[in-house]
Amino acid sequence: MRFVIQRYSFILLFLLSSSAVFGQWMNAEVNKDVYLRDYADQNGRVIMSMEKGRGVLALPIGDEAYIRIWDYSTGKRGYAYRSFINLQDTLMKADLKELSNAGTLPRGGTTLHIENEHPQNINVEIDQIPYYLQPYQEITLRIKKGKHGLWISRDGAYPFWGNIELADSAEYVFKIGSVDETLTADLSPIITTQDTIRMEYHHVDTVDVTPKVKIDTAKIVENKHPQDLERAKSKVGLRGFVQLNGIFDFNGMSDVDRFIPVEIPVGDMRNTTDRGFYLGARQSRIGFSSRIKAKTGYLNLYVEGDFAGGNTNEMFFRLRQAYADYGYFTVGQTWSTFSDLEATPLTVDREGPNSSVLIRQGMIRFEKKVGESDNEFAVAVETPTIGFSDSVAIDQRQPVPDVISRYKLKTEDGHVQIAGLFRVLSYNNTSNSITHTVGYGVNISGKKNLGSDDNILFYQGIYGKGISRYVRSFRNHNFDAFESPTGEIFIPHTAGGYLSIEHHWSEKIFSNITCGITWLQTAEWQAEDSYQSSYYGSFNSYWFAFDRMQLGLGYIYGVRRNKNNESGYASRLQMYIRYDI
């Protein structure tokens, strides 16, 4: 049984008579500035003010001076003075009824599984009891048989209302989804050939009911990088995309996948003439997910890879992520707890800002929302693998894992996160004994709406010692530690940060501009052409032409500066066309 409720066109095409519409919700408009009150009286508490021209829903009953109002843009309900409300069209009422699957053994009720397949939060009310469902969340209710009042709503959309009638001793799946701008509701029974029973010695039929899942899903944290795959659009749990990347290098950068300022040639090696064009689909990605219902929650498994392994011509398939999360725990390889994925701007270049903290590695993480708030706390142990400039006499295997913790404070217009990192770097010293040195790091990041949702600020600042491998631009460059000519180990300090401003021109087009800086401490004995700092700037624009297609265009400019203050620069024009599975 499937019902479709359109956002604008489910209003009846004709007005019903005044006697027929009493008791029916109606589309209405405020004709004068008026207050919405919590009671049908001028002394009722004021809930909000409604300006002239505001669209609302009204429930006229009798000839009372006050009328029941639903403001669907804010979700608030109350009463307003009747003469200030213009009634327009009648809101269609839907009745969902399925009684054919009644069980043969009376259980005094029915089981209803409500699944939110909508990519936004929704509110479901059954008999005026609200249930708040996040995207793709499922809840199970045990309710009485018969008819129940039903409301389904989300911010800025007309509610779906009516009745739902269910049989006794039955089980249903109630799916709420959407097609484009249309809400859909699908009620289907779970049919069984007979009731499951267990015969006791005294010959009384008893029902063996599977225990309900009990988990506070509102406190489970989800992490998503802007370049991650979207949720599966098919029942098999397959995600992915085909992506074509195109670049034109003005200075001959060697890496076709990533723009890395550390690799910019300087001095006599500086390349100002070798320009190049490249097209390839190395970044095409595929992922497999599974969601298994367990006794106290869901076990989610995810494996993801792309074809960006090896050099430009090899295109080896490589593992990006492979993890399982159950309740508040994540085990496997995924984005480090030291990262802040929400504060990462989307860039056409896969590398992103040179100072961003983005690394995927093995971990065991505990993460949950704090108390009744949306604030998030996490603590994890992660792989301690480090990179040295000379690995001949130094063992890269470490005896102590990296310990990372973070706290994210949610605000009305964004969030602020602070993350801390503690690690122990172990190495063989000149006397061939193990020496331990402490490393540490602090990362402050966030995201903030600048006056409206159309203008967004992303920011991050990082500082620490022996944490270079966590900085995107330094990845795979072995800057965590250096061995001196006398055999001693030098562990440098690292600092960096970025700012990015994003502007949405329309629902499907937006742009951002990003600038960043990184700095690495150098020792007196290091060569004069050793890396010391880099600068990064990019401008990116995106067009989401339709649901499964994206087009991105970006320009990147970078500078590398050495210890002797010599510098080199490079720039690149880049685009991609992406089609999601």
Protein backbone atom coordinates (compact mmCIF):
# COMPACT_ATOMS: atom_id res chain seq x y z
CA MET A 1 0.00 0.00 0.00
CA ARG A 2 1.79 3.12 -1.23
CA PHE A 3 0.82 6.77 -0.87
CA VAL A 4 2.53 9.70 -2.57
CA ILE A 5 2.20 13.16 -1.02
CA GLN A 6 3.46 15.97 -3.23
CA ARG A 7 4.91 19.07 -1.64
CA TYR A 8 2.74 21.49 -3.57
CA SER A 9 0.30 19.59 -5.78
CA PHE A 10 -1.47 17.39 -3.25
CA ILE A 11 -3.96 20.21 -2.47
CA LEU A 12 -7.38 19.40 -3.91
CA LEU A 13 -8.24 21.21 -7.12
CA PHE A 14 -11.55 22.45 -5.79
CA LEU A 15 -12.88 23.87 -2.51
CA LEU A 16 -15.17 21.73 -0.46
CA SER A 17 -18.28 23.24 1.03
CA SER A 18 -17.90 24.96 4.42
CA SER A 19 -19.85 22.21 6.20
CA ALA A 20 -17.62 19.51 4.71
CA VAL A 21 -14.27 21.07 5.52
CA PHE A 22 -14.88 21.42 9.26
CA GLY A 23 -12.41 19.11 10.92
CA GLN A 24 -10.12 19.02 7.86
CA TRP A 25 -6.74 20.71 7.70
CA MET A 26 -6.62 23.47 5.11
CA ASN A 27 -3.99 25.47 3.28
CA ALA A 28 -4.18 29.08 4.54
CA GLU A 29 -2.43 32.44 4.48
CA VAL A 30 -1.95 35.10 7.15
CA ASN A 31 -3.56 38.38 5.99
CA LYS A 32 -2.25 40.55 8.85
CA ASP A 33 0.63 40.38 11.34
CA VAL A 34 -0.63 38.17 14.17
CA TYR A 35 0.60 36.15 17.16
CA LEU A 36 0.48 32.35 17.39
CA ARG A 37 -0.68 31.40 20.93
CA ASP A 38 -0.63 28.13 22.82
CA TYR A 39 -4.31 28.39 23.76
CA ALA A 40 -7.45 29.66 22.03
CA ASP A 41 -7.60 32.83 24.07
CA GLN A 42 -6.06 36.31 23.89
CA ASN A 43 -4.35 35.58 27.22
CA GLY A 44 -2.64 32.48 25.83
CA ARG A 45 1.15 32.44 25.84
CA VAL A 46 2.66 33.80 22.61
CA ILE A 47 4.62 31.09 20.78
CA MET A 48 5.75 33.17 17.81
CA SER A 49 4.70 36.08 15.62
CA MET A 50 3.48 35.48 12.07
CA GLU A 51 3.94 38.14 9.43
CA LYS A 52 1.44 38.97 6.70
CA GLY A 53 1.63 36.63 3.71
CA ARG A 54 2.98 33.66 5.67
CA GLY A 55 1.72 30.27 4.48
CA VAL A 56 0.32 28.03 7.23
CA LEU A 57 -2.11 25.16 7.73
CA ALA A 58 -5.41 25.76 9.55
CA LEU A 59 -7.97 23.46 11.18
CA PRO A 60 -11.37 25.22 11.32
CA ILE A 61 -13.81 23.71 13.82
CA GLY A 62 -17.10 25.45 14.48
CA ASP A 63 -17.39 29.25 14.57
CA GLU A 64 -14.88 30.00 17.33
CA ALA A 65 -12.98 33.30 17.25
CA TYR A 66 -9.64 31.45 17.34
CA ILE A 67 -8.50 28.82 14.85
CA ARG A 68 -5.98 25.98 15.17
CA ILE A 69 -2.75 26.73 13.20
CA TRP A 70 0.21 24.59 12.04
CA ASP A 71 3.27 26.54 10.86
CA TYR A 72 4.90 23.82 8.74
CA SER A 73 8.12 25.81 8.16
CA THR A 74 8.97 25.76 11.90
CA GLY A 75 6.84 22.82 13.07
CA LYS A 76 5.03 24.98 15.69
CA ARG A 77 1.31 24.56 16.40
CA GLY A 78 -1.08 26.82 18.27
CA TYR A 79 -4.02 29.21 17.86
CA ALA A 80 -4.47 32.49 15.97
CA TYR A 81 -7.30 34.99 15.62
CA ARG A 82 -9.63 33.59 12.95
CA SER A 83 -10.33 36.82 11.05
CA PHE A 84 -6.62 37.26 10.32
CA ILE A 85 -6.42 33.92 8.47
CA ASN A 86 -7.53 33.38 4.85
CA LEU A 87 -8.61 29.77 4.28
CA GLN A 88 -7.76 28.43 0.83
CA ASP A 89 -7.66 24.77 -0.28
CA THR A 90 -8.37 21.62 1.71
CA LEU A 91 -5.44 19.43 2.60
CA MET A 92 -5.91 15.87 1.41
CA LYS A 93 -6.24 13.28 4.13
CA ALA A 94 -4.79 9.81 3.59
CA ASP A 95 -6.04 6.60 5.20
CA LEU A 96 -3.70 3.62 5.32
CA LYS A 97 -5.48 0.35 6.09
CA GLU A 98 -4.18 -3.21 6.05
CA LEU A 99 -6.12 -5.86 7.96
CA SER A 100 -5.61 -8.97 5.84
CA ASN A 101 -2.65 -10.29 7.80
CA ALA A 102 -4.20 -10.63 11.27
CA GLY A 103 -2.55 -13.41 13.29
CA THR A 104 -4.41 -16.45 14.52
CA LEU A 105 -3.11 -16.13 18.09
CA PRO A 106 -4.26 -12.87 19.72
CA ARG A 107 -1.31 -10.87 21.07
CA GLY A 108 -3.16 -7.75 22.12
CA GLY A 109 -1.39 -5.48 19.67
CA THR A 110 0.71 -5.19 16.54
CA THR A 111 4.34 -4.49 15.64
CA LEU A 112 5.21 -1.53 13.40
CA HIS A 113 8.71 -1.02 11.97
CA ILE A 114 9.10 2.63 10.84
CA GLU A 115 11.99 3.25 8.43
CA ASN A 116 13.10 6.72 7.32
CA GLU A 117 14.42 6.32 3.76
CA HIS A 118 14.40 10.10 3.34
CA PRO A 119 17.85 11.83 3.25
CA GLN A 120 16.57 14.39 5.80
CA ASN A 121 15.27 14.32 9.35
CA ILE A 122 11.54 13.65 9.68
CA ASN A 123 8.98 13.74 12.48
CA VAL A 124 6.39 10.99 12.81
CA GLU A 125 3.45 11.36 15.20
CA ILE A 126 1.20 8.43 16.05
CA ASP A 127 -1.68 9.31 18.35
CA GLN A 128 0.08 12.65 19.07
CA ILE A 129 3.21 10.89 20.36
CA PRO A 130 6.22 12.22 18.41
CA TYR A 131 9.07 10.09 17.08
CA TYR A 132 12.11 11.86 15.65
CA LEU A 133 13.95 9.90 12.93
CA GLN A 134 17.31 10.80 11.48
CA PRO A 135 18.10 9.95 7.83
CA TYR A 136 17.91 6.17 7.21
CA GLN A 137 17.07 5.44 10.85
CA GLU A 138 14.66 2.66 11.82
CA ILE A 139 12.54 2.30 14.97
CA THR A 140 10.18 -0.47 16.10
CA LEU A 141 6.92 0.22 17.93
CA ARG A 142 4.47 -2.08 19.69
CA ILE A 143 1.02 -0.46 19.45
CA LYS A 144 -2.61 -1.44 19.86
CA LYS A 145 -4.65 -2.79 16.97
CA GLY A 146 -7.14 -0.54 15.20
CA LYS A 147 -7.06 3.02 13.87
CA HIS A 148 -4.43 5.58 14.88
CA GLY A 149 -3.93 9.25 14.01
CA LEU A 150 -0.86 9.83 11.85
CA TRP A 151 1.34 12.85 11.07
CA ILE A 152 4.53 12.86 9.00
CA SER A 153 6.39 16.14 8.53
CA ARG A 154 9.73 17.80 7.95
CA ASP A 155 10.82 21.43 8.06
CA GLY A 156 9.58 23.51 5.16
CA ALA A 157 7.20 20.89 3.75
CA TYR A 158 3.48 20.19 4.01
CA PRO A 159 2.72 17.41 6.50
CA PHE A 160 1.30 14.05 5.52
CA TRP A 161 -1.66 13.37 7.80
CA GLY A 162 -4.49 10.94 8.19
CA ASN A 163 -5.15 7.57 9.80
CA ILE A 164 -3.35 4.24 9.84
CA GLU A 165 -5.39 1.12 10.68
CA LEU A 166 -3.60 -2.10 11.63
CA ALA A 167 -4.71 -5.64 12.42
CA ASP A 168 -4.16 -7.47 15.69
CA SER A 169 -1.32 -10.00 16.08
CA ALA A 170 0.38 -8.68 12.94
CA GLU A 171 3.66 -7.07 11.85
CA TYR A 172 4.20 -4.21 9.38
CA VAL A 173 6.96 -2.25 7.71
CA PHE A 174 6.16 1.45 7.25
CA LYS A 175 8.70 3.08 4.91
CA ILE A 176 8.88 6.85 4.47
CA GLY A 177 10.88 8.08 1.52
CA SER A 178 10.93 10.61 -1.27
CA VAL A 179 11.07 10.88 -5.04
CA ASP A 180 12.48 14.27 -6.07
CA GLU A 181 10.28 16.76 -4.15
CA THR A 182 7.58 14.20 -3.34
CA LEU A 183 7.22 12.40 -0.01
CA THR A 184 6.23 8.73 -0.21
CA ALA A 185 4.72 6.41 2.38
CA ASP A 186 4.69 2.63 1.89
CA LEU A 187 2.86 0.35 4.35
CA SER A 188 3.42 -3.37 3.77
CA PRO A 189 2.61 -6.34 6.00
CA ILE A 190 5.10 -9.03 6.96
CA ILE A 191 3.26 -12.21 6.02
CA THR A 192 3.94 -15.45 7.87
CA THR A 193 2.28 -18.81 7.28
CA GLN A 194 1.60 -19.35 10.97
CA ASP A 195 2.34 -17.88 14.36
CA THR A 196 5.57 -18.95 16.02
CA ILE A 197 4.65 -20.86 19.19
CA ARG A 198 6.30 -22.98 21.83
CA MET A 199 4.28 -25.81 23.48
CA GLU A 200 4.68 -25.95 27.25
CA TYR A 201 3.95 -29.02 29.42
CA HIS A 202 0.65 -27.55 30.62
CA HIS A 203 -0.50 -27.13 26.98
CA VAL A 204 -0.72 -23.32 27.02
CA ASP A 205 0.28 -21.66 23.71
CA THR A 206 2.90 -18.99 24.35
CA VAL A 207 4.48 -16.70 21.83
CA ASP A 208 8.30 -16.66 21.53
CA VAL A 209 8.96 -13.01 20.71
CA THR A 210 12.46 -11.83 19.65
CA PRO A 211 13.68 -9.07 22.04
CA LYS A 212 13.47 -5.56 20.67
CA VAL A 213 16.64 -3.73 19.70
CA LYS A 214 17.53 -1.15 22.36
CA ILE A 215 20.16 1.39 21.33
CA ASP A 216 20.30 5.17 21.63
CA THR A 217 20.88 5.82 17.93
CA ALA A 218 20.62 9.59 18.43
CA LYS A 219 24.04 9.55 20.13
CA ILE A 220 25.89 7.57 17.44
CA VAL A 221 28.23 9.84 15.48
CA GLU A 222 28.64 9.63 11.72
CA ASN A 223 31.81 10.88 10.01
CA LYS A 224 31.85 11.86 6.35
CA HIS A 225 34.49 13.57 4.28
CA PRO A 226 33.06 15.76 1.46
CA GLN A 227 34.74 13.48 -1.08
CA ASP A 228 33.41 10.24 0.47
CA LEU A 229 30.90 8.05 -1.35
CA GLU A 230 27.23 8.70 -0.80
CA ARG A 231 24.96 6.18 0.88
CA ALA A 232 24.03 3.16 -1.19
CA LYS A 233 21.26 3.87 -3.67
CA SER A 234 20.49 0.18 -4.14
CA LYS A 235 19.41 -2.62 -1.82
CA VAL A 236 22.65 -4.58 -2.31
CA GLY A 237 24.73 -1.96 -0.46
CA LEU A 238 26.88 -1.02 -3.44
CA ARG A 239 28.33 2.50 -3.54
CA GLY A 240 30.71 4.16 -5.90
CA PHE A 241 31.24 6.47 -8.83
CA VAL A 242 32.95 6.74 -12.18
CA GLN A 243 35.08 9.88 -12.24
CA LEU A 244 37.07 11.38 -15.09
CA ASN A 245 39.82 13.79 -14.03
CA GLY A 246 41.42 16.30 -16.34
CA ILE A 247 44.39 18.54 -15.50
CA PHE A 248 46.57 21.07 -17.26
CA ASP A 249 49.84 21.76 -15.46
CA PHE A 250 51.47 25.12 -16.10
CA ASN A 251 54.73 24.04 -14.38
CA GLY A 252 55.02 20.31 -14.92
CA MET A 253 54.04 18.83 -11.53
CA SER A 254 54.75 15.08 -11.57
CA ASP A 255 51.71 13.77 -9.64
CA VAL A 256 48.52 13.65 -11.72
CA ASP A 257 46.28 12.81 -8.73
CA ARG A 258 47.40 15.33 -6.13
CA PHE A 259 48.78 18.87 -6.04
CA ILE A 260 51.51 18.77 -3.36
CA PRO A 261 53.40 22.04 -2.69
CA VAL A 262 56.23 20.12 -0.98
CA GLU A 263 57.12 18.62 -4.38
CA ILE A 264 57.41 21.93 -6.23
CA PRO A 265 60.94 22.28 -7.73
CA VAL A 266 63.07 25.17 -6.38
CA GLY A 267 66.16 26.94 -7.68
CA ASP A 268 68.03 25.39 -10.62
CA MET A 269 65.59 22.46 -10.61
CA ARG A 270 62.61 24.76 -11.03
CA ASN A 271 60.47 23.81 -14.00
CA THR A 272 58.78 26.73 -15.78
CA THR A 273 58.40 25.30 -19.29
CA ASP A 274 57.22 21.69 -19.03
CA ARG A 275 53.47 22.03 -19.32
CA GLY A 276 51.27 18.97 -19.57
CA PHE A 277 47.71 17.72 -20.06
CA TYR A 278 46.22 14.58 -18.51
CA LEU A 279 42.90 12.70 -18.59
CA GLY A 280 42.23 9.61 -16.49
CA ALA A 281 39.74 7.71 -14.36
CA ARG A 282 42.16 6.51 -11.65
CA GLN A 283 40.03 8.06 -8.90
CA SER A 284 36.91 6.04 -9.77
CA ARG A 285 35.77 4.39 -6.58
CA ILE A 286 33.72 1.43 -5.41
CA GLY A 287 32.50 0.45 -1.95
CA PHE A 288 30.48 -2.35 -0.38
CA SER A 289 28.36 -1.98 2.75
CA SER A 290 26.38 -4.33 4.92
CA ARG A 291 23.97 -3.64 7.78
CA ILE A 292 23.30 -6.58 10.07
CA LYS A 293 20.69 -6.46 12.80
CA ALA A 294 22.11 -7.61 16.14
CA LYS A 295 20.66 -7.97 19.63
CA THR A 296 21.49 -4.45 20.80
CA GLY A 297 21.87 -2.49 17.57
CA TYR A 298 23.24 -2.81 14.07
CA LEU A 299 26.62 -4.04 12.87
CA ASN A 300 27.69 -1.90 9.91
CA LEU A 301 30.50 -3.13 7.65
CA TYR A 302 32.14 -1.08 4.94
CA VAL A 303 34.96 -1.76 2.45
CA GLU A 304 36.07 0.84 -0.11
CA GLY A 305 38.78 1.06 -2.76
CA ASP A 306 39.84 2.99 -5.84
CA PHE A 307 42.27 2.58 -8.74
CA ALA A 308 44.82 5.22 -7.74
CA GLY A 309 47.51 2.79 -6.59
CA GLY A 310 50.89 2.73 -8.29
CA ASN A 311 52.08 5.30 -10.81
CA THR A 312 50.08 7.01 -13.53
CA ASN A 313 50.24 4.09 -15.95
CA GLU A 314 49.69 1.22 -13.47
CA MET A 315 46.37 2.17 -11.86
CA PHE A 316 46.43 -0.58 -9.21
CA PHE A 317 43.33 -1.20 -7.12
CA ARG A 318 44.02 -0.16 -3.50
CA LEU A 319 42.19 -0.28 -0.18
CA ARG A 320 40.94 3.08 1.11
CA GLN A 321 38.65 2.13 3.99
CA ALA A 322 37.70 -1.15 5.67
CA TYR A 323 35.93 -0.93 9.02
CA ALA A 324 33.07 -2.15 11.15
CA ASP A 325 31.05 -0.04 13.56
CA TYR A 326 28.78 -1.40 16.23
CA GLY A 327 27.06 1.03 18.57
CA TYR A 328 29.66 3.53 19.71
CA PHE A 329 32.70 1.55 18.51
CA THR A 330 34.57 1.67 15.20
CA VAL A 331 37.22 -0.94 14.37
CA GLY A 332 39.28 -1.03 11.18
CA GLN A 333 40.82 1.48 8.78
CA THR A 334 39.11 4.82 8.24
CA TRP A 335 39.68 8.57 8.77
CA SER A 336 41.82 9.39 11.82
CA THR A 337 40.19 10.74 14.98
CA PHE A 338 42.63 13.67 14.71
CA SER A 339 40.71 14.81 11.58
CA ASP A 340 37.61 16.99 11.33
CA LEU A 341 35.79 15.90 8.19
CA GLU A 342 32.97 18.43 8.55
CA ALA A 343 35.52 21.28 8.57
CA THR A 344 37.18 20.07 5.36
CA PRO A 345 36.26 22.09 2.26
CA LEU A 346 35.47 20.25 -0.95
CA THR A 347 38.21 20.73 -3.55
CA VAL A 348 38.46 19.48 -7.13
CA ASP A 349 41.95 18.27 -6.31
CA ARG A 350 41.79 15.08 -4.22
CA GLU A 351 44.62 16.26 -1.95
CA GLY A 352 42.79 19.31 -0.58
CA PRO A 353 44.46 22.12 1.44
CA ASN A 354 48.16 21.50 2.10
CA SER A 355 47.74 21.81 5.89
CA SER A 356 44.59 19.67 6.29
CA VAL A 357 44.73 16.73 8.71
CA LEU A 358 43.45 13.90 6.56
CA ILE A 359 44.85 10.39 6.92
CA ARG A 360 43.22 6.96 6.92
CA GLN A 361 44.71 4.36 9.25
CA GLY A 362 43.95 1.44 11.55
CA MET A 363 42.16 2.23 14.81
CA ILE A 364 39.85 1.24 17.62
CA ARG A 365 37.60 4.20 18.42
CA PHE A 366 34.85 4.95 20.92
CA GLU A 367 32.63 7.85 19.89
CA LYS A 368 29.24 9.13 21.01
CA LYS A 369 27.14 12.21 21.49
CA VAL A 370 27.34 13.78 24.96
CA GLY A 371 24.30 13.77 27.25
CA GLU A 372 21.17 15.26 25.68
CA SER A 373 23.18 17.57 23.40
CA ASP A 374 24.51 17.10 19.87
CA ASN A 375 28.09 17.59 21.08
CA GLU A 376 30.43 14.70 20.27
CA PHE A 377 33.30 13.05 22.15
CA ALA A 378 35.74 10.44 20.84
CA VAL A 379 38.86 8.66 22.02
CA ALA A 380 40.92 6.18 20.00
CA VAL A 381 44.12 4.20 19.75
CA GLU A 382 45.54 4.30 16.22
CA THR A 383 48.45 2.88 14.30
CA PRO A 384 51.77 4.50 15.36
CA THR A 385 53.69 3.90 12.12
CA ILE A 386 56.09 6.78 11.53
CA GLY A 387 58.36 7.89 8.72
CA PHE A 388 62.03 8.83 9.11
CA SER A 389 64.29 10.45 6.55
CA ASP A 390 66.73 7.54 6.91
CA SER A 391 65.21 4.15 7.64
CA VAL A 392 68.43 2.11 7.43
CA ALA A 393 69.27 2.15 11.15
CA ILE A 394 65.82 3.00 12.50
CA ASP A 395 62.98 0.57 13.12
CA GLN A 396 59.67 2.07 11.95
CA ARG A 397 57.61 -0.40 13.99
CA GLN A 398 56.52 1.26 17.21
CA PRO A 399 55.68 -0.40 20.57
CA VAL A 400 53.07 2.17 21.67
CA PRO A 401 49.96 3.18 19.68
CA ASP A 402 49.05 6.81 19.05
CA VAL A 403 46.33 7.99 21.47
CA ILE A 404 43.91 10.59 20.11
CA SER A 405 40.89 12.32 21.58
CA ARG A 406 38.53 15.00 20.31
CA TYR A 407 35.52 17.02 21.42
CA LYS A 408 33.14 18.69 18.99
CA LEU A 409 30.92 21.51 20.24
CA LYS A 410 27.83 21.98 18.07
CA THR A 411 26.30 25.47 17.70
CA GLU A 412 23.28 26.81 15.84
CA ASP A 413 25.45 28.00 12.96
CA GLY A 414 28.16 25.32 12.87
CA HIS A 415 30.64 23.65 15.21
CA VAL A 416 34.08 23.95 16.84
CA GLN A 417 36.33 20.93 17.41
CA ILE A 418 39.52 20.52 19.42
CA ALA A 419 41.57 17.36 19.06
CA GLY A 420 44.66 16.22 20.95
CA LEU A 421 47.29 13.68 19.95
CA PHE A 422 49.87 11.90 22.15
CA ARG A 423 52.48 9.57 20.71
CA VAL A 424 55.80 7.96 21.58
CA LEU A 425 58.49 7.83 18.90
CA SER A 426 60.96 5.00 19.44
CA TYR A 427 64.23 4.55 17.56
CA ASN A 428 67.64 2.91 17.79
CA ASN A 429 70.27 5.38 19.01
CA THR A 430 73.99 5.37 18.25
CA SER A 431 74.67 2.79 21.01
CA ASN A 432 72.10 0.46 19.38
CA SER A 433 69.66 0.80 22.27
CA ILE A 434 66.05 1.94 22.10
CA THR A 435 65.37 5.61 22.84
CA HIS A 436 61.87 7.00 23.33
CA THR A 437 60.75 10.57 22.57
CA VAL A 438 57.30 12.03 23.19
CA GLY A 439 55.39 13.63 20.34
CA TYR A 440 52.20 15.63 20.62
CA GLY A 441 49.76 17.67 18.58
CA VAL A 442 46.73 19.96 18.85
CA ASN A 443 44.20 20.56 16.08
CA ILE A 444 41.51 23.27 16.32
CA SER A 445 38.99 23.32 13.51
CA GLY A 446 35.42 24.25 12.72
CA LYS A 447 32.67 25.29 10.38
CA LYS A 448 30.44 28.36 10.65
CA ASN A 449 27.56 29.80 8.63
CA LEU A 450 28.21 33.46 7.86
CA GLY A 451 24.77 34.98 8.27
CA SER A 452 23.00 32.30 6.18
CA ASP A 453 23.38 28.77 4.87
CA ASP A 454 24.60 30.21 1.55
CA ASN A 455 27.92 31.42 3.01
CA ILE A 456 30.06 29.00 5.01
CA LEU A 457 33.48 29.39 6.64
CA PHE A 458 35.78 26.37 7.12
CA TYR A 459 38.94 26.70 9.19
CA GLN A 460 41.70 24.68 10.86
CA GLY A 461 44.94 25.29 12.78
CA ILE A 462 47.45 22.62 13.82
CA TYR A 463 50.62 22.61 15.91
CA GLY A 464 52.74 19.80 17.29
CA LYS A 465 55.99 17.87 17.46
CA GLY A 466 56.69 14.70 15.53
CA ILE A 467 53.25 14.69 13.87
CA SER A 468 54.17 15.59 10.29
CA ARG A 469 52.69 12.41 8.85
CA TYR A 470 49.23 13.56 9.97
CA VAL A 471 49.51 16.70 7.78
CA ARG A 472 48.21 16.08 4.28
CA SER A 473 51.03 17.83 2.44
CA PHE A 474 53.77 15.92 4.32
CA ARG A 475 52.26 12.46 3.86
CA ASN A 476 54.81 9.92 2.53
CA HIS A 477 57.69 12.43 2.84
CA ASN A 478 59.25 11.05 6.07
CA PHE A 479 59.36 14.33 8.01
CA ASP A 480 58.53 12.91 11.46
CA ALA A 481 62.21 12.67 12.39
CA PHE A 482 65.69 13.15 10.91
CA GLU A 483 68.98 11.51 11.73
CA SER A 484 71.88 13.96 12.22
CA PRO A 485 75.44 13.36 10.96
CA THR A 486 76.42 12.38 14.52
CA GLY A 487 73.67 9.74 14.74
CA GLU A 488 71.30 11.75 16.94
CA ILE A 489 67.60 12.07 16.17
CA PHE A 490 65.97 15.42 15.46
CA ILE A 491 62.15 15.56 15.78
CA PRO A 492 60.82 18.80 14.26
CA HIS A 493 57.88 20.95 15.26
CA THR A 494 55.09 21.37 12.71
CA ALA A 495 52.47 24.10 12.25
CA GLY A 496 49.86 24.97 9.65
CA GLY A 497 46.34 26.10 8.96
CA TYR A 498 43.78 27.01 6.33
CA LEU A 499 40.71 29.15 5.75
CA SER A 500 38.00 28.47 3.17
CA ILE A 501 34.87 30.44 2.28
CA GLU A 502 32.07 28.71 0.38
CA HIS A 503 29.20 30.49 -1.38
CA HIS A 504 26.10 28.82 -2.80
CA TRP A 505 24.87 30.61 -5.93
CA SER A 506 21.84 28.33 -6.21
CA GLU A 507 20.63 24.94 -5.01
CA LYS A 508 22.91 23.15 -7.49
CA ILE A 509 25.86 25.54 -7.97
CA PHE A 510 28.42 26.66 -5.40
CA SER A 511 32.03 27.88 -5.24
CA ASN A 512 34.77 28.18 -2.64
CA ILE A 513 38.14 29.82 -2.24
CA THR A 514 40.74 28.22 0.03
CA CYS A 515 44.16 29.32 1.26
CA GLY A 516 46.59 27.43 3.50
CA ILE A 517 50.12 27.42 4.93
CA THR A 518 52.44 24.78 6.41
CA TRP A 519 55.74 25.13 8.28
CA LEU A 520 58.37 22.59 9.35
CA GLN A 521 61.18 23.27 11.79
CA THR A 522 64.72 22.79 10.41
CA ALA A 523 67.97 22.02 12.23
CA GLU A 524 71.22 23.95 11.81
CA TRP A 525 72.99 20.95 10.28
CA GLN A 526 70.33 20.33 7.62
CA ALA A 527 71.07 21.28 4.02
CA GLU A 528 70.18 24.78 2.83
CA ASP A 529 67.77 23.40 0.23
CA SER A 530 65.73 21.56 2.91
CA TYR A 531 61.98 22.20 2.90
CA GLN A 532 60.75 24.79 5.41
CA SER A 533 57.29 26.11 4.40
CA SER A 534 54.67 26.08 1.67
CA TYR A 535 51.64 28.11 0.65
CA TYR A 536 48.47 26.94 -1.06
CA GLY A 537 45.54 28.65 -2.76
CA SER A 538 42.65 27.28 -4.82
CA PHE A 539 39.37 28.37 -6.36
CA ASN A 540 36.75 25.68 -6.98
CA SER A 541 33.28 25.69 -8.54
CA TYR A 542 30.76 22.85 -8.71
CA TRP A 543 27.59 22.12 -10.61
CA PHE A 544 25.36 19.27 -9.46
CA ALA A 545 23.54 18.92 -12.76
CA PHE A 546 21.27 16.11 -11.56
CA ASP A 547 21.04 13.55 -8.77
CA ARG A 548 23.91 11.31 -9.93
CA MET A 549 26.15 13.72 -11.82
CA GLN A 550 28.68 16.33 -10.64
CA LEU A 551 30.95 18.70 -12.54
CA GLY A 552 33.90 20.41 -10.79
CA LEU A 553 36.36 23.01 -12.05
CA GLY A 554 39.30 24.39 -10.04
CA TYR A 555 42.51 26.42 -10.24
CA ILE A 556 45.36 25.72 -7.77
CA TYR A 557 48.47 27.75 -7.01
CA GLY A 558 51.27 26.68 -4.68
CA VAL A 559 54.64 27.92 -3.41
CA ARG A 560 57.49 26.00 -1.75
CA ARG A 561 60.10 27.85 0.31
CA ASN A 562 63.37 26.27 1.45
CA LYS A 563 65.58 26.88 4.47
CA ASN A 564 67.74 29.31 2.44
CA ASN A 565 64.59 31.31 1.50
CA GLU A 566 64.72 30.21 -2.14
CA SER A 567 61.27 29.42 -3.48
CA GLY A 568 59.49 27.85 -6.41
CA TYR A 569 55.89 27.99 -7.55
CA ALA A 570 53.50 25.88 -9.60
CA SER A 571 49.90 26.11 -10.77
CA ARG A 572 47.32 23.78 -12.22
CA LEU A 573 43.90 23.94 -13.88
CA GLN A 574 41.80 20.91 -12.97
CA MET A 575 38.32 19.52 -13.62
CA TYR A 576 36.33 16.35 -13.03
CA ILE A 577 33.09 14.79 -14.24
CA ARG A 578 31.56 12.28 -11.85
CA TYR A 579 28.63 9.87 -12.16
CA ASP A 580 27.42 8.09 -9.01
CA ILE A 581 26.30 4.47 -8.97
